[in-house]
Amino acid sequence: MKKILFTLGMSVMLVLGFIVADPNLRSCWAQEEIAEEELFFKEIPIVVTASKKEQPLGESPSTIYVITEEDIKNSAAETFADLLRSVPGVQVRKWLAEYSNVSIRGMLGAEVVSTRILWLMDGIRINDVRDGGVWQDICFPLDMIKRIEIILGPGSALYGSNAFQGVINIITKSPKDMNKNGEYFVSYGSFNTWKTGVVYGKEAEDFSLMINASVNRTDGPELLPNNYTPDYEPHSERKWRYLRTKMRYKDLTVSLGQETKITDFSGAEFFPSSKYGWDREEHYATFIYAKPVSDKLDIKAELDYRTPQEYFYDYSDFVGLNVLIREYKWDNNIQFRYRPIDANEIMLGLGYRQEWINAEEFSEGMKEHTINNPNAFIQNELKIKDNFIITAGFRFDTHERYKNQF
C-alpha cells in the first residue's frame, strides 16, 4: 500500500513539475481561466426572431444562432452564404457555378434558391414571388448587416409558409450603429472584382436618417469555360448597385430602396451556358410603427411593398428568346403584445399578404395570377421560473390554391 501511495505521489509531483517547467502548458491553463472569465462577463445577445420580440438568447424557445457584426468583420466571407457556413446545422453548397444553395439540418432540396427557408430582413419577408426563395451569390450585400439570426427548425407557428427548415433574419444597421463621420469602402479582389460604397447616418432624439449606396462589378470565376467547356467564351460577369435609406421619426421607421443586378449566367456542368443572361431590378418601401400603448400593451404594425422585375435574355442559350417577368407583393401585419401579469405575455398577430406575377414563361392559365394569404396567430408565454418558460402557439393560414392550414 505504501509503495502504491509513493508511486502515485511521485507521479503527481512529476506531472506538476512538468507543467511548471513547460511554459506552453502554463499558457494553456491561463488561457482557459481567461476564457472562462470572458464568458462570465460576456454580454448575452438579445434576439428578436424566435418570438417576434426582444429577449435574451437563453430565453429563446427555438434553437437559434447569432452572427454578429464583429463576426462578419473578422471573417473572410465574400458572400452571405459564406457567413452561413460557420453555423452548425446549416449546409451550403455551390449550385449553378456562381450561386449557393442553403439548407438546414441536412434537408437539401434540388433547388437553387432555398425555398424551404423563410428569409427576412428586419423581420420583413423577402422571399421571391417567382422562385419562392432568395438567390445567393456575390451580389447579396453585406455592408448593411448588423447581425444575422438563424433559427434551426420549423418556425411556421409564427411565420407561416416557407419556414419549413428554418428562419434566417438579417438585422440591418441603424444610424446609432454608425461612425459619426460615416463609413466608406473601396476594395479590389480576384476576378477583377470592384466593390465601392458609402454608409452615412445621423441620429437625433426624435429623428434619424441613414443612407447607403454601393456600386460593384466582377468578371466572375469563369468556372465552366475554363474547366468544363473550353470552347465557351467566359460568361460570368456581374454588375450590381444599391441605394437604400432608413428614416425614423418618433415611433415610425420608413425604409426605401432600389437595387439593380445585371448578371451573366454560366449555368452548370450539366447545363453550360455562354449567352444566357439575367437582369433584375427591385424597388421597395417598408413602414414599421411600434409603440408601447401602456405598461401592459404594445402594438406593432408593418406595411411592406415590393416590385421586382426580371428580364431573361437569350433564355437557356436560345438566341433571341427573351422573357420579361413582372411582380409585386404586399405584406401587411399588425401585432399586439399584452402582459396581464409580469410572468405572462400573450401575443396576437393578424396579417394579409398578396402576391401578383406576370410571367411569360409560365404555362397557360398561370402566366398572370394573384395569390392572397390572410393569416392570424396567437402565442402565450408563461414564465414559471427564470430558467423554466412554457411557450404555446397557434396559427391559421388561408390560401386560394391550397387548403387552409392550422
Protein backbone atom coordinates (compact mmCIF):
# COMPACT_ATOMS: atom_id res chain seq x y z
CA MET A 1 0.00 0.00 0.00
CA LYS A 2 2.80 2.38 0.92
CA LYS A 3 4.51 1.53 -2.37
CA ILE A 4 1.34 2.42 -4.30
CA LEU A 5 0.92 5.73 -2.44
CA PHE A 6 4.59 6.52 -3.00
CA THR A 7 4.23 5.79 -6.72
CA LEU A 8 1.10 7.96 -7.02
CA GLY A 9 2.78 10.78 -5.13
CA MET A 10 5.85 10.69 -7.35
CA SER A 11 3.62 10.66 -10.47
CA VAL A 12 1.71 13.75 -9.31
CA MET A 13 4.95 15.56 -8.49
CA LEU A 14 6.41 14.71 -11.90
CA VAL A 15 3.29 15.94 -13.71
CA LEU A 16 3.21 19.17 -11.68
CA GLY A 17 6.90 19.70 -12.24
CA PHE A 18 6.46 19.14 -15.99
CA ILE A 19 3.62 21.70 -16.09
CA VAL A 20 5.63 24.27 -14.14
CA ALA A 21 8.61 23.72 -16.41
CA ASP A 22 6.60 23.86 -19.64
CA PRO A 23 5.54 27.46 -20.45
CA ASN A 24 3.13 26.24 -23.17
CA LEU A 25 1.05 24.24 -20.67
CA ARG A 26 1.07 27.13 -18.19
CA SER A 27 -0.14 29.34 -21.03
CA CYS A 28 -2.95 26.88 -21.86
CA TRP A 29 -4.15 26.90 -18.25
CA ALA A 30 -4.02 30.69 -18.16
CA GLN A 31 -5.93 30.95 -21.44
CA GLU A 32 -8.65 28.62 -20.13
CA GLU A 33 -9.02 30.75 -16.99
CA ILE A 34 -9.21 33.94 -19.10
CA ALA A 35 -11.73 32.32 -21.48
CA GLU A 36 -13.98 31.33 -18.57
CA GLU A 37 -13.72 34.84 -17.13
CA GLU A 38 -14.53 36.42 -20.52
CA LEU A 39 -17.51 34.08 -20.91
CA PHE A 40 -18.78 35.12 -17.47
CA PHE A 41 -18.64 38.83 -18.31
CA LYS A 42 -19.64 38.49 -21.99
CA GLU A 43 -22.86 40.27 -22.88
CA ILE A 44 -25.70 37.87 -23.68
CA PRO A 45 -27.10 38.64 -27.18
CA ILE A 46 -30.63 39.97 -27.49
CA VAL A 47 -32.61 38.26 -30.29
CA VAL A 48 -35.96 39.07 -31.88
CA THR A 49 -36.70 36.31 -34.38
CA ALA A 50 -37.75 33.31 -32.27
CA SER A 51 -40.71 35.05 -30.56
CA LYS A 52 -41.10 38.25 -32.62
CA LYS A 53 -39.92 40.29 -29.62
CA GLU A 54 -36.67 41.23 -27.93
CA GLN A 55 -35.46 38.59 -25.48
CA PRO A 56 -32.13 37.23 -24.19
CA LEU A 57 -30.73 34.42 -26.31
CA GLY A 58 -31.01 31.98 -23.40
CA GLU A 59 -34.79 32.53 -23.14
CA SER A 60 -35.46 31.80 -26.81
CA PRO A 61 -37.89 28.89 -27.32
CA SER A 62 -36.06 27.85 -30.52
CA THR A 63 -32.57 26.71 -31.38
CA ILE A 64 -31.07 29.95 -32.63
CA TYR A 65 -27.60 31.10 -33.65
CA VAL A 66 -26.38 34.68 -33.99
CA ILE A 67 -23.71 36.01 -36.36
CA THR A 68 -22.67 39.42 -35.03
CA GLU A 69 -21.23 42.43 -36.84
CA GLU A 70 -17.87 41.62 -35.25
CA ASP A 71 -18.07 38.06 -36.58
CA ILE A 72 -18.71 39.44 -40.07
CA LYS A 73 -15.76 41.86 -39.87
CA ASN A 74 -13.42 39.13 -38.64
CA SER A 75 -14.47 36.65 -41.29
CA ALA A 76 -13.07 36.32 -44.78
CA ALA A 77 -16.56 35.92 -46.23
CA GLU A 78 -17.15 37.29 -49.72
CA THR A 79 -20.82 36.30 -49.84
CA PHE A 80 -23.73 35.93 -47.45
CA ALA A 81 -23.66 32.16 -47.99
CA ASP A 82 -20.03 32.11 -46.83
CA LEU A 83 -21.14 33.56 -43.49
CA LEU A 84 -23.75 30.82 -43.05
CA ARG A 85 -21.12 28.11 -43.45
CA SER A 86 -19.94 28.84 -39.90
CA VAL A 87 -23.32 27.97 -38.34
CA PRO A 88 -23.71 24.39 -37.02
CA GLY A 89 -26.63 22.67 -38.70
CA VAL A 90 -26.53 24.89 -41.82
CA GLN A 91 -25.23 23.39 -45.05
CA VAL A 92 -24.11 25.47 -48.05
CA ARG A 93 -23.14 24.12 -51.44
CA LYS A 94 -22.34 25.69 -54.78
CA TRP A 95 -25.06 25.35 -57.38
CA LEU A 96 -25.10 26.59 -60.97
CA ALA A 97 -21.50 27.83 -60.79
CA GLU A 98 -21.92 31.23 -59.14
CA TYR A 99 -24.89 30.52 -56.86
CA SER A 100 -25.14 28.82 -53.49
CA ASN A 101 -27.86 26.59 -52.07
CA VAL A 102 -28.55 26.84 -48.33
CA SER A 103 -30.24 24.10 -46.32
CA ILE A 104 -30.80 23.45 -42.62
CA ARG A 105 -30.26 20.17 -40.78
CA GLY A 106 -29.46 18.28 -43.94
CA MET A 107 -32.81 18.76 -45.69
CA LEU A 108 -31.36 19.71 -49.05
CA GLY A 109 -33.77 20.09 -51.92
CA ALA A 110 -32.99 20.06 -55.63
CA GLU A 111 -33.35 23.82 -55.83
CA VAL A 112 -31.19 26.88 -56.20
CA VAL A 113 -33.00 29.49 -54.13
CA SER A 114 -33.62 27.70 -50.80
CA THR A 115 -37.41 27.98 -50.88
CA ARG A 116 -37.89 25.93 -47.71
CA ILE A 117 -36.28 28.66 -45.63
CA LEU A 118 -38.07 31.88 -44.69
CA TRP A 119 -35.77 34.81 -45.45
CA LEU A 120 -36.39 38.03 -43.53
CA MET A 121 -34.79 41.46 -43.49
CA ASP A 122 -35.58 43.40 -40.31
CA GLY A 123 -38.46 40.95 -39.83
CA ILE A 124 -39.90 41.56 -43.32
CA ARG A 125 -40.30 38.64 -45.73
CA ILE A 126 -38.02 38.91 -48.79
CA ASN A 127 -38.68 35.53 -50.45
CA ASP A 128 -39.10 35.95 -54.19
CA VAL A 129 -42.56 35.69 -55.80
CA ARG A 130 -41.44 33.73 -58.87
CA ASP A 131 -38.93 31.38 -57.26
CA GLY A 132 -40.08 31.32 -53.64
CA GLY A 133 -36.63 31.80 -52.11
CA VAL A 134 -33.58 34.07 -52.36
CA TRP A 135 -30.76 33.89 -54.92
CA GLN A 136 -27.46 33.64 -53.04
CA ASP A 137 -24.45 34.95 -54.93
CA ILE A 138 -21.83 37.66 -54.65
CA CYS A 139 -24.47 40.33 -55.34
CA PHE A 140 -26.14 39.85 -51.93
CA PRO A 141 -24.96 42.88 -49.84
CA LEU A 142 -23.03 42.54 -46.57
CA ASP A 143 -22.18 46.16 -45.76
CA MET A 144 -25.51 46.99 -44.05
CA ILE A 145 -25.76 43.89 -41.84
CA LYS A 146 -25.66 44.39 -38.07
CA ARG A 147 -26.31 40.76 -37.18
CA ILE A 148 -27.92 37.59 -38.54
CA GLU A 149 -30.27 35.40 -36.52
CA ILE A 150 -30.73 31.81 -37.71
CA ILE A 151 -33.50 29.58 -36.35
CA LEU A 152 -32.82 25.89 -36.90
CA GLY A 153 -36.07 24.01 -37.39
CA PRO A 154 -39.63 24.94 -38.38
CA GLY A 155 -41.00 28.37 -37.49
CA SER A 156 -44.40 28.00 -39.13
CA ALA A 157 -46.44 28.68 -35.98
CA LEU A 158 -45.32 32.32 -36.03
CA TYR A 159 -44.32 32.90 -39.65
CA GLY A 160 -46.38 30.56 -41.82
CA SER A 161 -45.20 29.34 -45.24
CA ASN A 162 -41.54 28.88 -46.26
CA ALA A 163 -40.41 28.44 -42.63
CA PHE A 164 -40.22 24.64 -43.01
CA GLN A 165 -36.48 24.22 -42.50
CA GLY A 166 -35.94 27.39 -40.50
CA VAL A 167 -35.87 31.18 -40.49
CA ILE A 168 -32.96 33.49 -41.36
CA ASN A 169 -33.45 37.10 -40.24
CA ILE A 170 -30.99 39.77 -41.40
CA ILE A 171 -30.94 42.71 -39.00
CA THR A 172 -29.64 45.86 -40.70
CA LYS A 173 -27.79 48.75 -39.13
CA SER A 174 -29.40 51.91 -37.77
CA PRO A 175 -27.86 55.41 -37.61
CA LYS A 176 -26.92 54.86 -33.95
CA ASP A 177 -24.68 51.97 -35.06
CA MET A 178 -22.69 54.16 -37.44
CA ASN A 179 -19.46 56.08 -37.08
CA LYS A 180 -20.35 59.77 -36.78
CA ASN A 181 -18.36 60.51 -39.95
CA GLY A 182 -19.88 57.63 -41.89
CA GLU A 183 -18.32 54.53 -43.38
CA TYR A 184 -16.64 54.45 -46.80
CA PHE A 185 -15.06 51.49 -48.53
CA VAL A 186 -13.33 50.53 -51.75
CA SER A 187 -11.99 47.05 -52.39
CA TYR A 188 -10.41 45.16 -55.27
CA GLY A 189 -10.05 41.40 -55.47
CA SER A 190 -9.73 38.35 -57.65
CA PHE A 191 -11.55 38.15 -60.98
CA ASN A 192 -11.34 41.93 -61.39
CA THR A 193 -13.85 42.43 -58.57
CA TRP A 194 -14.51 46.03 -57.53
CA LYS A 195 -16.70 46.95 -54.55
CA THR A 196 -17.37 50.57 -53.57
CA GLY A 197 -19.85 52.02 -51.15
CA VAL A 198 -20.80 54.55 -48.52
CA VAL A 199 -22.97 54.37 -45.42
CA TYR A 200 -23.82 57.61 -43.63
CA GLY A 201 -26.22 58.26 -40.79
CA LYS A 202 -27.32 60.86 -38.26
CA GLU A 203 -29.22 60.27 -35.03
CA ALA A 204 -31.29 62.75 -33.01
CA GLU A 205 -33.85 62.29 -30.25
CA ASP A 206 -36.96 62.09 -32.45
CA PHE A 207 -35.40 61.73 -35.89
CA SER A 208 -32.71 59.67 -37.59
CA LEU A 209 -31.60 59.16 -41.18
CA MET A 210 -29.26 56.71 -42.83
CA ILE A 211 -28.22 56.40 -46.49
CA ASN A 212 -26.37 53.51 -48.09
CA ALA A 213 -25.18 53.45 -51.70
CA SER A 214 -22.90 50.93 -53.40
CA VAL A 215 -21.70 50.16 -56.93
CA ASN A 216 -19.95 46.85 -57.67
CA ARG A 217 -18.75 44.63 -60.50
CA THR A 218 -16.84 41.40 -61.16
CA ASP A 219 -15.76 39.31 -64.12
CA GLY A 220 -16.67 36.24 -62.09
CA PRO A 221 -14.74 32.99 -61.69
CA GLU A 222 -15.46 31.75 -65.24
CA LEU A 223 -15.50 28.23 -63.83
CA LEU A 224 -17.35 26.47 -66.59
CA PRO A 225 -15.50 27.85 -69.63
CA ASN A 226 -12.13 27.13 -68.04
CA ASN A 227 -12.75 23.69 -66.58
CA TYR A 228 -15.60 22.02 -68.40
CA THR A 229 -16.39 23.72 -71.70
CA PRO A 230 -13.18 25.17 -73.16
CA ASP A 231 -14.97 26.11 -76.39
CA TYR A 232 -17.28 28.50 -74.50
CA GLU A 233 -16.45 32.16 -74.09
CA PRO A 234 -16.19 33.50 -70.48
CA HIS A 235 -19.68 34.30 -69.28
CA SER A 236 -19.85 35.11 -65.56
CA GLU A 237 -19.70 38.92 -65.41
CA ARG A 238 -21.87 40.69 -62.83
CA LYS A 239 -22.73 44.31 -62.09
CA TRP A 240 -24.87 45.34 -59.14
CA ARG A 241 -25.78 48.53 -57.31
CA TYR A 242 -27.91 49.51 -54.33
CA LEU A 243 -29.44 52.67 -52.95
CA ARG A 244 -31.12 52.33 -49.55
CA THR A 245 -32.41 54.74 -46.93
CA LYS A 246 -33.77 54.23 -43.44
CA MET A 247 -35.57 57.08 -41.67
CA ARG A 248 -37.14 57.22 -38.21
CA TYR A 249 -39.50 59.81 -36.81
CA LYS A 250 -40.50 59.03 -33.22
CA ASP A 251 -42.21 55.61 -33.39
CA LEU A 252 -42.34 55.33 -37.20
CA THR A 253 -39.49 53.84 -39.26
CA VAL A 254 -39.52 54.08 -43.07
CA SER A 255 -37.13 52.17 -45.33
CA LEU A 256 -36.92 52.90 -49.06
CA GLY A 257 -34.63 51.21 -51.53
CA GLN A 258 -33.73 50.26 -55.06
CA GLU A 259 -31.43 47.53 -56.33
CA THR A 260 -30.24 46.57 -59.80
CA LYS A 261 -28.39 43.43 -60.87
CA ILE A 262 -27.04 42.72 -64.36
CA THR A 263 -25.68 39.19 -64.46
CA ASP A 264 -24.34 36.68 -66.94
CA PHE A 265 -25.43 33.12 -66.31
CA SER A 266 -22.83 30.43 -66.97
CA GLY A 267 -25.09 27.58 -65.87
CA ALA A 268 -23.69 24.32 -64.54
CA GLU A 269 -21.59 21.39 -65.73
CA PHE A 270 -24.73 19.57 -66.87
CA PHE A 271 -26.14 22.76 -68.44
CA PRO A 272 -23.35 25.09 -69.62
CA SER A 273 -24.38 28.48 -70.94
CA SER A 274 -22.47 31.06 -72.95
CA LYS A 275 -25.22 33.57 -73.79
CA TYR A 276 -27.95 33.29 -71.14
CA GLY A 277 -28.30 36.45 -69.03
CA TRP A 278 -30.50 37.69 -66.22
CA ASP A 279 -31.23 41.27 -65.13
CA ARG A 280 -33.23 42.09 -62.03
CA GLU A 281 -34.49 45.37 -60.59
CA GLU A 282 -36.49 45.89 -57.42
CA HIS A 283 -37.96 48.86 -55.59
CA TYR A 284 -39.33 48.59 -52.08
CA ALA A 285 -40.92 50.65 -49.34
CA THR A 286 -41.33 49.44 -45.75
CA PHE A 287 -43.20 51.19 -42.93
CA ILE A 288 -42.93 49.97 -39.34
CA TYR A 289 -44.80 51.60 -36.47
CA ALA A 290 -44.01 50.32 -32.97
CA LYS A 291 -45.34 51.94 -29.81
CA PRO A 292 -45.98 50.95 -26.19
CA VAL A 293 -49.61 51.90 -25.54
CA SER A 294 -49.34 51.25 -21.80
CA ASP A 295 -47.24 49.30 -19.32
CA LYS A 296 -49.12 46.16 -20.30
CA LEU A 297 -49.81 46.63 -24.03
CA ASP A 298 -47.51 47.16 -27.05
CA ILE A 299 -48.55 47.47 -30.67
CA LYS A 300 -46.53 46.99 -33.85
CA ALA A 301 -47.76 47.48 -37.43
CA GLU A 302 -45.84 46.64 -40.62
CA LEU A 303 -46.54 47.51 -44.25
CA ASP A 304 -44.17 46.34 -46.97
CA TYR A 305 -44.48 46.81 -50.74
CA ARG A 306 -42.01 45.43 -53.30
CA THR A 307 -41.97 45.49 -57.10
CA PRO A 308 -39.38 43.06 -58.50
CA GLN A 309 -38.91 42.92 -62.27
CA GLU A 310 -36.77 40.32 -64.03
CA TYR A 311 -35.59 40.13 -67.62
CA PHE A 312 -34.08 36.96 -69.07
CA TYR A 313 -32.32 37.33 -72.40
CA ASP A 314 -31.19 34.52 -74.73
CA TYR A 315 -33.16 32.27 -72.38
CA SER A 316 -31.42 28.90 -71.87
CA ASP A 317 -28.98 29.94 -74.63
CA PHE A 318 -31.72 30.23 -77.26
CA VAL A 319 -30.62 33.41 -79.04
CA GLY A 320 -33.43 35.96 -79.29
CA LEU A 321 -35.66 34.21 -76.73
CA ASN A 322 -36.24 36.95 -74.16
CA VAL A 323 -38.62 36.77 -71.20
CA LEU A 324 -39.95 39.62 -69.06
CA ILE A 325 -41.36 38.87 -65.59
CA ARG A 326 -43.20 41.49 -63.57
CA GLU A 327 -44.16 41.05 -59.92
CA TYR A 328 -45.40 42.89 -56.88
CA LYS A 329 -46.16 41.86 -53.33
CA TRP A 330 -47.89 43.44 -50.36
CA ASP A 331 -47.22 42.24 -46.84
CA ASN A 332 -49.27 43.78 -44.01
CA ASN A 333 -49.09 42.73 -40.36
CA ILE A 334 -50.27 44.04 -37.01
CA GLN A 335 -49.14 42.59 -33.72
CA PHE A 336 -50.36 43.09 -30.15
CA ARG A 337 -48.38 42.12 -27.03
CA TYR A 338 -50.33 42.03 -23.77
CA ARG A 339 -48.88 41.30 -20.32
CA PRO A 340 -51.68 40.62 -17.81
CA ILE A 341 -49.02 39.82 -15.18
CA ASP A 342 -45.24 40.09 -15.20
CA ALA A 343 -44.78 36.35 -15.73
CA ASN A 344 -47.28 36.04 -18.58
CA GLU A 345 -47.30 37.51 -22.08
CA ILE A 346 -49.88 36.97 -24.81
CA MET A 347 -49.13 37.88 -28.42
CA LEU A 348 -51.77 38.20 -31.14
CA GLY A 349 -50.93 38.78 -34.79
CA LEU A 350 -53.07 39.44 -37.88
CA GLY A 351 -51.66 39.54 -41.39
CA TYR A 352 -52.52 39.79 -45.07
CA ARG A 353 -50.14 39.07 -47.94
CA GLN A 354 -50.86 39.49 -51.64
CA GLU A 355 -48.51 38.38 -54.42
CA TRP A 356 -49.00 39.06 -58.15
CA ILE A 357 -46.90 37.85 -61.04
CA ASN A 358 -47.00 38.12 -64.83
CA ALA A 359 -44.55 35.60 -66.30
CA GLU A 360 -44.40 34.80 -69.99
CA GLU A 361 -42.50 31.57 -69.26
CA PHE A 362 -45.36 30.08 -67.22
CA SER A 363 -47.95 27.72 -68.70
CA GLU A 364 -51.32 28.92 -69.98
CA GLY A 365 -53.66 29.87 -67.18
CA MET A 366 -50.73 30.71 -64.92
CA LYS A 367 -49.00 33.44 -66.90
CA GLU A 368 -50.73 36.06 -64.77
CA HIS A 369 -52.14 35.26 -61.37
CA THR A 370 -52.63 36.68 -57.88
CA ILE A 371 -52.37 34.86 -54.56
CA ASN A 372 -53.97 36.22 -51.37
CA ASN A 373 -52.95 34.94 -47.95
CA PRO A 374 -54.83 36.23 -44.86
CA ASN A 375 -53.38 34.76 -41.65
CA ALA A 376 -53.51 35.00 -37.87
CA PHE A 377 -51.51 33.65 -34.94
CA ILE A 378 -51.61 33.70 -31.15
CA GLN A 379 -48.81 32.85 -28.74
CA ASN A 380 -48.86 32.53 -24.96
CA GLU A 381 -45.67 32.63 -22.91
CA LEU A 382 -45.66 31.78 -19.21
CA LYS A 383 -42.52 32.12 -17.11
CA ILE A 384 -42.62 29.64 -14.22
CA LYS A 385 -39.04 30.36 -13.14
CA ASP A 386 -36.13 32.25 -14.66
CA ASN A 387 -34.94 29.04 -16.34
CA PHE A 388 -38.36 27.48 -16.96
CA ILE A 389 -40.59 29.09 -19.60
CA ILE A 390 -43.61 27.50 -21.30
CA THR A 391 -44.50 28.76 -24.79
CA ALA A 392 -47.56 27.64 -26.77
CA GLY A 393 -48.66 28.93 -30.18
CA PHE A 394 -51.36 28.52 -32.82
CA ARG A 395 -51.53 29.82 -36.40
CA PHE A 396 -54.16 29.82 -39.15
CA ASP A 397 -53.28 30.42 -42.82
CA THR A 398 -55.62 30.64 -45.79
CA HIS A 399 -54.62 30.07 -49.39
CA GLU A 400 -56.58 30.36 -52.63
CA ARG A 401 -54.97 27.33 -54.31
CA TYR A 402 -54.42 25.03 -51.35
CA LYS A 403 -56.33 24.02 -48.25
CA ASN A 404 -56.45 26.28 -45.22
CA GLN A 405 -53.80 25.31 -42.71
CA PHE A 406 -53.59 25.33 -38.91
